[in-house]
């Protein structure tokens, strides 16, 4: 009995005078020395001594009941050991610059929180393990939402801002299917809203050809065409290229071996557009030459007659019944077909994007998509209206295809609403590829067939236009770029 008492007093004396922060790892008790290193208790007491477990436990508990000891730092953060042998964090107002205290004593509670006193008698807050994890999780969640713009594209939620990248990788998002409650009746109703809006946008330029005023018709023709050019360019770069890059850099897809995948696919879209137009032009010229060889081509205009100046208006071009094999007309139709192909690929994804977005963002995205489709419809409709021939059937079919394609995408989205996973690898690759190809097509059409052909190529309507018309066209061009670019903030 006396031996046990002496050993207990010896252990308590060792803990109190030289060592602190005693805790157990398995069946061995460790303490922190004045140098901050862990030392097994067995090295402090003679090997022949026998330590009663009950005596040691009660002594350790009583020694640590009002203090956290064995304080040490991990980077800029300070941690200590509580009376249960658990590591706890000490919340300090500032990073200590001098020597770190070995312990904080006089621990007490205020409103459910634990505080201890530093050597100068100031209170410091002690964060328990569970509280520390909760605090980190809470601050992490706040950091991921504050100052961020989150939006949906093809079922994938993207957040932009401090604390998280576009792919949402900063806090490790889940790549599995996300369960959401969807307002299906709202989505079915808005399908018809998008149908009507797209139809108005694409058919409106064709209706304007009926205006009786040649001057007004010419001004509207220039404004709508150049506004449409700006819309197509902005759609290609701000919307499609950006969203394709979001898909290919998504963490759920993994890191791609080829970092320039998005640009490469866009380049492929540009090349395919060029190839389609080049081959089409060669075939048209070959047919024209064959017809002339058979003496069926139109007679060339007399060299003594002054050339008739071209007045590009919706009325004059919309009712032009030139020869079917006129290369100018055929080439223009090829360009519009290429443009429509890019727009259709994009529009079907727009419909899918809208439907699979969460309810919290659906109404905002709906408004953006309505404006987007209206502007894009104007851009396409203005070019279709300038094609030779009557509105029915060919022009109406081309315009109608654009009007219905977004609702078709919405219908597809409704069919897969509860099973569509925008973070699946195959989905990301498919959507990214379609977006990038569409971007390439619209880059070719917007830059070559629309912008350059109107402004800098020989015979372009803006090359020798009057200053007033140039100003109208320039303002409309920039307005189309800016307005569609602004919409890129949400869609």
Protein backbone atom coordinates (compact mmCIF):
# COMPACT_ATOMS: atom_id res chain seq x y z
CA UNK A 1 0.00 0.00 0.00
CA UNK A 2 2.78 2.41 0.88
CA UNK A 3 4.60 1.53 -2.35
CA UNK A 4 1.55 2.27 -4.40
CA UNK A 5 1.04 5.59 -2.68
CA UNK A 6 4.66 6.60 -3.29
CA UNK A 7 4.42 5.71 -6.99
CA UNK A 8 1.20 7.68 -7.35
CA UNK A 9 2.76 10.71 -5.71
CA UNK A 10 5.81 10.31 -7.96
CA UNK A 11 3.67 10.20 -11.12
CA UNK A 12 1.65 13.22 -10.03
CA UNK A 13 4.84 15.10 -9.21
CA UNK A 14 6.31 14.27 -12.61
CA UNK A 15 3.10 15.41 -14.38
CA UNK A 16 2.78 18.62 -12.40
CA UNK A 17 6.37 19.82 -12.41
CA UNK A 18 8.03 18.83 -15.69
CA UNK A 19 5.52 17.28 -18.04
CA UNK A 20 2.02 18.10 -19.28
CA UNK A 21 -0.57 17.07 -21.81
CA UNK A 22 -0.51 13.45 -20.70
CA UNK A 23 -2.66 11.19 -22.88
CA UNK A 24 -2.80 7.59 -23.97
CA UNK A 25 -2.01 5.80 -27.22
CA UNK A 26 -3.36 2.29 -26.76
CA UNK A 27 -2.22 1.12 -23.33
CA UNK A 28 0.76 3.50 -23.08
CA UNK A 29 0.53 6.95 -21.53
CA UNK A 30 2.52 9.81 -23.10
CA UNK A 31 3.28 13.31 -21.82
CA UNK A 32 4.65 16.47 -23.43
CA UNK A 33 7.95 17.75 -22.04
CA UNK A 34 9.06 21.37 -21.84
CA UNK A 35 10.55 21.02 -25.35
CA UNK A 36 7.12 20.03 -26.74
CA UNK A 37 8.12 16.44 -27.57
CA UNK A 38 6.00 13.41 -26.62
CA UNK A 39 7.62 11.11 -24.05
CA UNK A 40 6.22 7.77 -22.79
CA UNK A 41 5.50 7.79 -19.06
CA UNK A 42 7.41 4.51 -18.76
CA UNK A 43 10.68 6.38 -19.43
CA UNK A 44 10.01 8.76 -16.51
CA UNK A 45 9.46 6.06 -13.86
CA UNK A 46 11.77 3.19 -12.90
CA UNK A 47 11.09 0.04 -14.88
CA UNK A 48 10.67 -2.00 -11.67
CA UNK A 49 7.75 0.16 -10.55
CA UNK A 50 4.21 -1.03 -10.99
CA UNK A 51 1.58 1.65 -11.69
CA UNK A 52 -1.97 0.83 -10.63
CA UNK A 53 -4.26 1.70 -13.55
CA UNK A 54 -6.97 3.13 -11.32
CA UNK A 55 -4.60 5.41 -9.46
CA UNK A 56 -3.02 6.71 -12.68
CA UNK A 57 -6.38 7.38 -14.29
CA UNK A 58 -7.73 9.31 -11.36
CA UNK A 59 -4.55 11.31 -10.98
CA UNK A 60 -4.45 12.21 -14.69
CA UNK A 61 -8.09 13.20 -14.72
CA UNK A 62 -7.75 15.41 -11.70
CA UNK A 63 -4.57 16.99 -13.02
CA UNK A 64 -6.16 17.97 -16.32
CA UNK A 65 -9.65 18.92 -15.26
CA UNK A 66 -9.12 22.68 -15.55
CA UNK A 67 -6.44 23.05 -18.24
CA UNK A 68 -5.43 22.12 -21.77
CA UNK A 69 -1.82 21.12 -22.02
CA UNK A 70 0.87 19.98 -24.40
CA UNK A 71 0.19 22.97 -26.64
CA UNK A 72 1.89 22.93 -30.03
CA UNK A 73 1.39 24.50 -33.44
CA UNK A 74 0.50 23.20 -36.89
CA UNK A 75 1.35 26.03 -39.25
CA UNK A 76 -0.37 29.15 -37.92
CA UNK A 77 -2.85 27.21 -35.78
CA UNK A 78 -2.41 26.22 -32.12
CA UNK A 79 -3.54 22.85 -30.75
CA UNK A 80 -3.52 21.43 -27.22
CA UNK A 81 -4.57 18.22 -25.47
CA UNK A 82 -7.70 18.20 -23.30
CA UNK A 83 -8.32 16.06 -20.22
CA UNK A 84 -9.60 13.19 -22.38
CA UNK A 85 -6.41 13.00 -24.42
CA UNK A 86 -8.10 14.57 -27.47
CA UNK A 87 -6.49 17.26 -29.55
CA UNK A 88 -8.40 20.55 -29.49
CA UNK A 89 -7.79 23.82 -31.29
CA UNK A 90 -7.13 27.07 -29.45
CA UNK A 91 -8.82 30.01 -31.18
CA UNK A 92 -6.46 32.98 -30.89
CA UNK A 93 -7.16 36.54 -31.96
CA UNK A 94 -3.76 36.70 -33.65
CA UNK A 95 -0.90 34.36 -34.47
CA UNK A 96 1.50 34.20 -31.50
CA UNK A 97 4.86 35.74 -32.30
CA UNK A 98 6.80 34.69 -29.20
CA UNK A 99 7.22 31.36 -27.46
CA UNK A 100 4.04 29.29 -27.42
CA UNK A 101 2.61 28.65 -23.90
CA UNK A 102 2.85 25.00 -22.87
CA UNK A 103 -0.67 25.07 -21.45
CA UNK A 104 -3.78 27.19 -20.92
CA UNK A 105 -5.32 26.94 -17.43
CA UNK A 106 -8.43 28.02 -15.55
CA UNK A 107 -10.78 26.50 -18.12
CA UNK A 108 -14.44 27.43 -17.73
CA UNK A 109 -17.66 27.67 -19.75
CA UNK A 110 -19.63 30.65 -21.13
CA UNK A 111 -22.91 29.99 -22.99
CA UNK A 112 -21.95 26.43 -23.83
CA UNK A 113 -18.48 27.39 -25.11
CA UNK A 114 -15.23 26.49 -23.38
CA UNK A 115 -12.63 29.12 -22.54
CA UNK A 116 -9.22 28.90 -20.86
CA UNK A 117 -6.74 31.54 -19.74
CA UNK A 118 -3.34 32.24 -21.23
CA UNK A 119 -0.34 33.12 -19.02
CA UNK A 120 -1.38 36.79 -19.07
CA UNK A 121 -4.88 36.02 -17.81
CA UNK A 122 -6.70 36.56 -21.15
CA UNK A 123 -9.51 34.22 -22.22
CA UNK A 124 -8.99 32.05 -25.29
CA UNK A 125 -11.72 29.93 -26.87
CA UNK A 126 -11.26 26.16 -27.07
CA UNK A 127 -12.79 24.44 -30.09
CA UNK A 128 -13.76 20.83 -29.50
CA UNK A 129 -13.12 18.40 -32.35
CA UNK A 130 -16.80 18.26 -33.42
CA UNK A 131 -17.18 22.04 -33.10
CA UNK A 132 -14.03 22.61 -35.11
CA UNK A 133 -15.24 20.39 -37.94
CA UNK A 134 -18.64 22.07 -37.94
CA UNK A 135 -17.02 25.50 -37.96
CA UNK A 136 -14.77 24.59 -40.86
CA UNK A 137 -17.68 23.10 -42.80
CA UNK A 138 -19.86 26.13 -42.15
CA UNK A 139 -17.19 28.64 -43.14
CA UNK A 140 -16.38 26.52 -46.20
CA UNK A 141 -20.02 26.53 -47.27
CA UNK A 142 -20.27 30.27 -46.78
CA UNK A 143 -17.09 30.85 -48.75
CA UNK A 144 -18.47 28.78 -51.61
CA UNK A 145 -21.65 30.85 -51.85
CA UNK A 146 -20.65 34.40 -50.94
CA UNK A 147 -19.82 36.54 -53.94
CA UNK A 148 -20.46 33.72 -56.40
CA UNK A 149 -22.58 33.43 -59.52
CA UNK A 150 -24.06 29.95 -59.86
CA UNK A 151 -25.91 28.85 -62.98
CA UNK A 152 -26.93 25.66 -64.73
CA UNK A 153 -25.79 24.48 -68.13
CA UNK A 154 -26.99 21.11 -69.42
CA UNK A 155 -27.77 19.91 -65.93
CA UNK A 156 -24.43 20.95 -64.45
CA UNK A 157 -24.33 23.67 -61.81
CA UNK A 158 -21.38 26.01 -62.28
CA UNK A 159 -20.29 28.56 -59.65
CA UNK A 160 -17.89 31.38 -60.40
CA UNK A 161 -16.18 33.40 -57.69
CA UNK A 162 -13.61 33.38 -54.92
CA UNK A 163 -13.24 30.02 -53.25
CA UNK A 164 -14.42 27.79 -56.09
CA UNK A 165 -13.50 27.20 -59.69
CA UNK A 166 -15.90 26.90 -62.59
CA UNK A 167 -15.92 23.15 -62.28
CA UNK A 168 -16.76 23.32 -58.61
CA UNK A 169 -13.57 21.52 -57.61
CA UNK A 170 -12.52 23.63 -54.65
CA UNK A 171 -14.75 21.83 -52.22
CA UNK A 172 -15.02 18.44 -53.88
CA UNK A 173 -18.45 18.14 -55.44
CA UNK A 174 -20.28 14.89 -56.06
CA UNK A 175 -20.41 13.59 -59.61
CA UNK A 176 -23.44 11.38 -59.05
CA UNK A 177 -27.04 12.00 -60.00
CA UNK A 178 -28.52 14.84 -57.97
CA UNK A 179 -32.10 14.41 -56.80
CA UNK A 180 -34.21 17.55 -57.24
CA UNK A 181 -37.89 18.40 -57.13
CA UNK A 182 -38.99 19.76 -60.50
CA UNK A 183 -42.08 21.79 -61.30
CA UNK A 184 -43.07 19.78 -64.40
CA UNK A 185 -46.29 21.72 -65.25
CA UNK A 186 -44.28 24.96 -65.30
CA UNK A 187 -41.80 23.43 -67.72
CA UNK A 188 -44.51 22.13 -70.03
CA UNK A 189 -46.19 25.54 -70.11
CA UNK A 190 -42.99 27.45 -70.81
CA UNK A 191 -42.20 25.09 -73.70
CA UNK A 192 -44.93 26.87 -75.66
CA UNK A 193 -43.65 30.28 -74.53
CA UNK A 194 -40.23 29.49 -76.02
CA UNK A 195 -41.91 28.19 -79.22
CA UNK A 196 -43.84 31.43 -79.71
CA UNK A 197 -40.84 33.65 -78.91
CA UNK A 198 -38.52 31.80 -81.30
CA UNK A 199 -41.15 31.95 -84.04
CA UNK A 200 -41.62 35.70 -83.66
CA UNK A 201 -37.87 36.28 -83.81
CA UNK A 202 -37.20 34.21 -86.91
CA UNK A 203 -40.33 35.18 -88.92
CA UNK A 204 -40.29 38.91 -88.09
CA UNK A 205 -37.65 39.86 -90.71
CA UNK A 206 -39.69 38.09 -93.39
CA UNK A 207 -42.72 40.14 -92.45
CA UNK A 208 -40.73 43.36 -92.76
CA UNK A 209 -40.25 42.80 -96.50
CA UNK A 210 -43.87 43.94 -96.89
CA UNK A 211 -43.06 47.45 -95.68
CA UNK A 212 -43.88 49.91 -98.46
CA UNK A 213 -41.16 52.48 -97.62
CA UNK A 214 -37.92 51.70 -99.43
CA UNK A 215 -35.88 53.99 -97.14
CA UNK A 216 -37.29 52.52 -93.95
CA UNK A 217 -36.88 49.05 -95.37
CA UNK A 218 -33.21 49.70 -96.12
CA UNK A 219 -32.50 51.07 -92.64
CA UNK A 220 -34.22 48.13 -90.96
CA UNK A 221 -32.42 45.71 -93.25
CA UNK A 222 -29.02 47.09 -92.27
CA UNK A 223 -29.83 47.30 -88.56
CA UNK A 224 -31.29 43.79 -88.28
CA UNK A 225 -28.56 42.15 -90.36
CA UNK A 226 -25.69 43.75 -88.46
CA UNK A 227 -27.37 43.20 -85.10
CA UNK A 228 -27.71 39.55 -86.09
CA UNK A 229 -24.03 39.39 -87.01
CA UNK A 230 -23.11 40.64 -83.54
CA UNK A 231 -25.46 38.12 -81.94
CA UNK A 232 -23.94 35.20 -83.87
CA UNK A 233 -20.37 36.24 -83.02
CA UNK A 234 -21.16 36.65 -79.34
CA UNK A 235 -23.04 33.35 -79.27
CA UNK A 236 -20.00 31.59 -80.72
CA UNK A 237 -17.41 33.02 -78.36
CA UNK A 238 -19.23 33.99 -75.15
CA UNK A 239 -21.79 31.20 -74.97
CA UNK A 240 -20.69 28.14 -76.92
CA UNK A 241 -16.92 28.29 -76.55
CA UNK A 242 -17.21 29.08 -72.83
CA UNK A 243 -19.69 26.29 -72.12
CA UNK A 244 -17.71 23.75 -74.13
CA UNK A 245 -14.67 24.62 -72.05
CA UNK A 246 -16.73 24.18 -68.86
CA UNK A 247 -17.61 20.66 -69.95
CA UNK A 248 -14.06 19.66 -70.89
CA UNK A 249 -12.55 21.09 -67.68
CA UNK A 250 -15.18 19.62 -65.35
CA UNK A 251 -13.57 17.72 -62.46
CA UNK A 252 -15.99 14.83 -63.00
CA UNK A 253 -14.47 14.26 -66.44
CA UNK A 254 -10.97 14.22 -65.02
CA UNK A 255 -7.87 15.93 -66.33
CA UNK A 256 -7.58 15.69 -70.11
CA UNK A 257 -4.23 14.66 -71.57
CA UNK A 258 -4.68 17.29 -74.29
CA UNK A 259 -5.33 20.66 -72.69
CA UNK A 260 -6.39 22.36 -75.92
CA UNK A 261 -9.32 19.99 -76.53
CA UNK A 262 -11.92 22.79 -76.64
CA UNK A 263 -9.94 24.89 -79.13
CA UNK A 264 -9.19 21.82 -81.27
CA UNK A 265 -12.87 20.89 -81.58
CA UNK A 266 -13.78 24.53 -82.36
CA UNK A 267 -11.13 24.51 -85.08
CA UNK A 268 -12.65 21.30 -86.45
CA UNK A 269 -16.03 23.06 -86.65
CA UNK A 270 -14.47 25.95 -88.57
CA UNK A 271 -12.75 23.56 -90.99
CA UNK A 272 -15.90 21.50 -91.60
CA UNK A 273 -17.84 24.69 -92.36
CA UNK A 274 -15.19 25.83 -94.81
CA UNK A 275 -15.09 22.39 -96.45
CA UNK A 276 -18.88 22.25 -96.86
CA UNK A 277 -19.04 25.70 -98.45
CA UNK A 278 -16.01 25.14 -100.68
CA UNK A 279 -17.27 21.85 -102.08
CA UNK A 280 -20.75 23.31 -102.51
CA UNK A 281 -19.40 26.31 -104.42
CA UNK A 282 -17.35 24.09 -106.72
CA UNK A 283 -20.37 21.92 -107.50
CA UNK A 284 -22.49 24.98 -108.26
CA UNK A 285 -19.86 26.47 -110.55
CA UNK A 286 -19.49 23.15 -112.34
CA UNK A 287 -23.26 22.96 -112.94
CA UNK A 288 -23.23 26.54 -114.19
CA UNK A 289 -20.42 25.83 -116.64
CA UNK A 290 -22.23 22.74 -117.91
CA UNK A 291 -25.40 24.72 -118.51
CA UNK A 292 -23.48 27.40 -120.40
CA UNK A 293 -21.89 24.74 -122.58
CA UNK A 294 -25.41 23.68 -123.57
CA UNK A 295 -26.23 27.36 -124.41
CA UNK A 296 -28.78 27.61 -121.60
CA UNK A 297 -26.99 30.08 -119.33
CA UNK A 298 -28.17 33.69 -119.14
CA UNK A 299 -26.72 36.18 -121.57
CA UNK A 300 -24.06 38.44 -120.06
CA UNK A 301 -25.00 42.10 -119.67
CA UNK A 302 -23.91 44.48 -122.39
CA UNK A 303 -20.47 46.02 -121.80
CA UNK A 304 -21.72 49.40 -122.95
CA UNK A 305 -24.45 49.54 -120.34
CA UNK A 306 -23.68 51.16 -117.01
CA UNK A 307 -23.84 48.69 -114.13
CA UNK A 308 -26.92 49.01 -111.98
CA UNK A 309 -26.07 49.95 -108.39
CA UNK A 310 -27.07 47.43 -105.76
CA UNK A 311 -29.61 48.57 -103.19
CA UNK A 312 -29.64 45.95 -100.46
CA UNK A 313 -33.01 46.03 -98.77
CA UNK A 314 -35.25 43.36 -97.35
CA UNK A 315 -37.80 44.09 -100.07
CA UNK A 316 -35.53 43.97 -103.10
CA UNK A 317 -33.56 40.92 -102.03
CA UNK A 318 -36.53 39.16 -100.56
CA UNK A 319 -38.39 39.24 -103.90
CA UNK A 320 -35.43 38.62 -106.20
CA UNK A 321 -36.24 35.80 -108.63
CA UNK A 322 -32.79 35.48 -110.15
CA UNK A 323 -31.61 32.44 -112.13
CA UNK A 324 -31.60 29.23 -110.19
CA UNK A 325 -27.96 28.64 -111.01
CA UNK A 326 -26.76 32.13 -110.13
CA UNK A 327 -23.64 31.39 -108.03
CA UNK A 328 -24.18 34.47 -105.86
CA UNK A 329 -27.62 33.33 -104.78
CA UNK A 330 -26.60 29.70 -104.38
CA UNK A 331 -23.53 30.59 -102.36
CA UNK A 332 -25.62 32.76 -100.04
CA UNK A 333 -28.04 29.89 -99.49
CA UNK A 334 -25.15 27.57 -98.65
CA UNK A 335 -23.88 30.05 -96.08
CA UNK A 336 -27.29 30.34 -94.45
CA UNK A 337 -27.61 26.55 -94.32
CA UNK A 338 -24.25 26.29 -92.57
CA UNK A 339 -25.30 29.01 -90.15
CA UNK A 340 -28.58 27.25 -89.38
CA UNK A 341 -26.77 23.97 -88.73
CA UNK A 342 -24.67 25.62 -86.03
CA UNK A 343 -27.67 27.38 -84.52
CA UNK A 344 -29.76 24.19 -84.44
CA UNK A 345 -27.04 22.18 -82.67
CA UNK A 346 -26.83 24.94 -80.10
CA UNK A 347 -30.58 25.46 -79.72
CA UNK A 348 -31.36 21.84 -78.91
CA UNK A 349 -28.84 22.04 -76.07
CA UNK A 350 -30.41 25.32 -74.95
CA UNK A 351 -33.75 23.52 -74.53
CA UNK A 352 -32.11 20.72 -72.55
CA UNK A 353 -30.28 23.26 -70.40
CA UNK A 354 -33.48 25.02 -69.49
CA UNK A 355 -35.51 21.99 -68.46
CA UNK A 356 -32.93 20.19 -66.31
CA UNK A 357 -32.00 23.34 -64.36
CA UNK A 358 -33.15 23.39 -60.74
CA UNK A 359 -36.33 25.23 -59.79
CA UNK A 360 -34.35 27.81 -57.81
CA UNK A 361 -32.83 29.11 -61.06
CA UNK A 362 -35.43 28.07 -63.63
CA UNK A 363 -37.39 31.32 -63.92
CA UNK A 364 -34.25 33.43 -64.24
CA UNK A 365 -32.83 31.11 -66.88
CA UNK A 366 -36.16 31.07 -68.73
CA UNK A 367 -36.12 34.85 -69.17
CA UNK A 368 -32.53 34.69 -70.42
CA UNK A 369 -33.31 31.90 -72.89
CA UNK A 370 -36.34 33.76 -74.23
CA UNK A 371 -34.21 36.81 -75.06
CA UNK A 372 -31.43 34.57 -76.37
CA UNK A 373 -33.71 32.73 -78.77
CA UNK A 374 -35.44 35.92 -79.90
CA UNK A 375 -32.14 37.61 -80.76
CA UNK A 376 -30.78 34.49 -82.43
CA UNK A 377 -34.03 34.14 -84.37
CA UNK A 378 -33.65 37.71 -85.65
CA UNK A 379 -30.10 36.95 -86.76
CA UNK A 380 -31.11 33.82 -88.68
CA UNK A 381 -34.39 35.25 -89.97
CA UNK A 382 -32.66 38.32 -91.44
CA UNK A 383 -30.37 36.09 -93.52
CA UNK A 384 -33.18 33.76 -94.58
CA UNK A 385 -35.28 36.77 -95.65
CA UNK A 386 -32.50 37.87 -98.02
CA UNK A 387 -32.54 34.59 -99.94
CA UNK A 388 -34.18 34.68 -103.38
CA UNK A 389 -37.64 33.23 -103.87
CA UNK A 390 -40.91 33.27 -102.00
CA UNK A 391 -41.36 32.69 -98.30
CA UNK A 392 -43.18 29.40 -98.88
CA UNK A 393 -42.08 26.69 -98.85
CA UNK A 394 -38.27 26.81 -98.49
CA UNK A 395 -37.85 29.91 -96.30
CA UNK A 396 -40.74 28.90 -94.08
CA UNK A 397 -39.27 25.42 -93.57
CA UNK A 398 -35.85 26.84 -92.64
CA UNK A 399 -37.38 29.33 -90.20
CA UNK A 400 -39.77 26.74 -88.78
CA UNK A 401 -36.90 24.34 -88.07
CA UNK A 402 -35.30 26.96 -85.83
CA UNK A 403 -38.61 27.80 -84.13
CA UNK A 404 -39.31 24.22 -83.04
CA UNK A 405 -35.81 22.94 -82.27
CA UNK A 406 -35.52 24.49 -78.79
CA UNK A 407 -38.94 23.14 -77.70
CA UNK A 408 -37.79 19.74 -79.03
CA UNK A 409 -34.75 20.01 -76.75
CA UNK A 410 -37.06 20.90 -73.87
CA UNK A 411 -39.23 17.87 -74.61
CA UNK A 412 -36.15 15.63 -74.54
CA UNK A 413 -35.21 17.18 -71.21
CA UNK A 414 -38.68 16.46 -69.80
CA UNK A 415 -38.34 12.83 -70.83
CA UNK A 416 -35.04 12.36 -68.97
CA UNK A 417 -35.69 14.86 -66.19
CA UNK A 418 -35.17 12.49 -63.26
CA UNK A 419 -32.42 10.37 -64.80
CA UNK A 420 -30.24 12.97 -66.53
CA UNK A 421 -26.82 13.37 -64.93
CA UNK A 422 -24.91 16.28 -66.38
CA UNK A 423 -21.76 15.23 -64.49
CA UNK A 424 -21.48 11.83 -66.16
CA UNK A 425 -18.32 11.50 -68.24
CA UNK A 426 -20.02 10.47 -71.50
CA UNK A 427 -22.53 13.31 -71.13
CA UNK A 428 -19.82 15.88 -70.54
CA UNK A 429 -17.90 14.71 -73.61
CA UNK A 430 -21.00 14.72 -75.84
CA UNK A 431 -22.21 18.14 -74.71
CA UNK A 432 -18.75 19.67 -74.84
CA UNK A 433 -18.17 18.35 -78.35
CA UNK A 434 -21.51 19.63 -79.67
CA UNK A 435 -21.01 23.03 -78.08
CA UNK A 436 -17.48 23.35 -79.46
CA UNK A 437 -18.49 22.21 -82.97
CA UNK A 438 -21.38 24.69 -82.96
CA UNK A 439 -18.99 27.41 -81.83
CA UNK A 440 -16.67 26.64 -84.74
CA UNK A 441 -19.52 26.70 -87.25
CA UNK A 442 -20.81 30.05 -85.99
CA UNK A 443 -17.29 31.51 -85.90
CA UNK A 444 -16.92 30.73 -89.61
CA UNK A 445 -20.38 31.98 -90.50
CA UNK A 446 -20.18 35.08 -88.30
CA UNK A 447 -16.68 36.20 -89.24
CA UNK A 448 -16.48 35.14 -92.91
CA UNK A 449 -20.01 34.91 -94.33
CA UNK A 450 -21.54 37.78 -92.37
CA UNK A 451 -19.03 40.25 -90.94
CA UNK A 452 -16.30 40.15 -93.61
CA UNK A 453 -18.66 39.67 -96.55
CA UNK A 454 -20.73 42.72 -95.60
CA UNK A 455 -17.93 45.05 -94.56
CA UNK A 456 -14.58 44.31 -96.20
CA UNK A 457 -15.07 41.99 -99.18
CA UNK A 458 -15.55 43.40 -102.65
CA UNK A 459 -19.23 43.94 -103.37
CA UNK A 460 -20.17 44.05 -99.69
CA UNK A 461 -23.11 46.35 -98.99
CA UNK A 462 -21.20 48.32 -96.31
CA UNK A 463 -18.07 48.87 -98.42
CA UNK A 464 -19.40 51.94 -100.26
CA UNK A 465 -22.43 52.70 -98.10
CA UNK A 466 -23.21 56.24 -96.97
CA UNK A 467 -21.90 57.40 -93.61
CA UNK A 468 -25.33 57.34 -91.97
CA UNK A 469 -25.90 53.75 -92.96
CA UNK A 470 -22.40 52.79 -91.81
CA UNK A 471 -23.10 54.31 -88.40
CA UNK A 472 -26.42 52.47 -88.11
CA UNK A 473 -24.77 49.19 -89.10
CA UNK A 474 -21.83 49.70 -86.74
CA UNK A 475 -24.01 50.54 -83.74
CA UNK A 476 -26.28 47.56 -84.46
CA UNK A 477 -23.27 45.25 -84.79
CA UNK A 478 -21.83 46.30 -81.42
CA UNK A 479 -25.29 46.21 -79.81
CA UNK A 480 -25.73 42.58 -80.88
CA UNK A 481 -22.35 41.64 -79.44
CA UNK A 482 -22.95 43.45 -76.15
CA UNK A 483 -26.52 42.29 -75.52
CA UNK A 484 -25.79 38.64 -76.24
CA UNK A 485 -22.56 38.93 -74.26
CA UNK A 486 -24.45 40.24 -71.24
CA UNK A 487 -26.83 37.28 -71.43
CA UNK A 488 -23.74 35.06 -71.14
CA UNK A 489 -23.63 35.94 -67.43
CA UNK A 490 -26.65 33.69 -66.85
CA UNK A 491 -26.69 31.22 -69.74
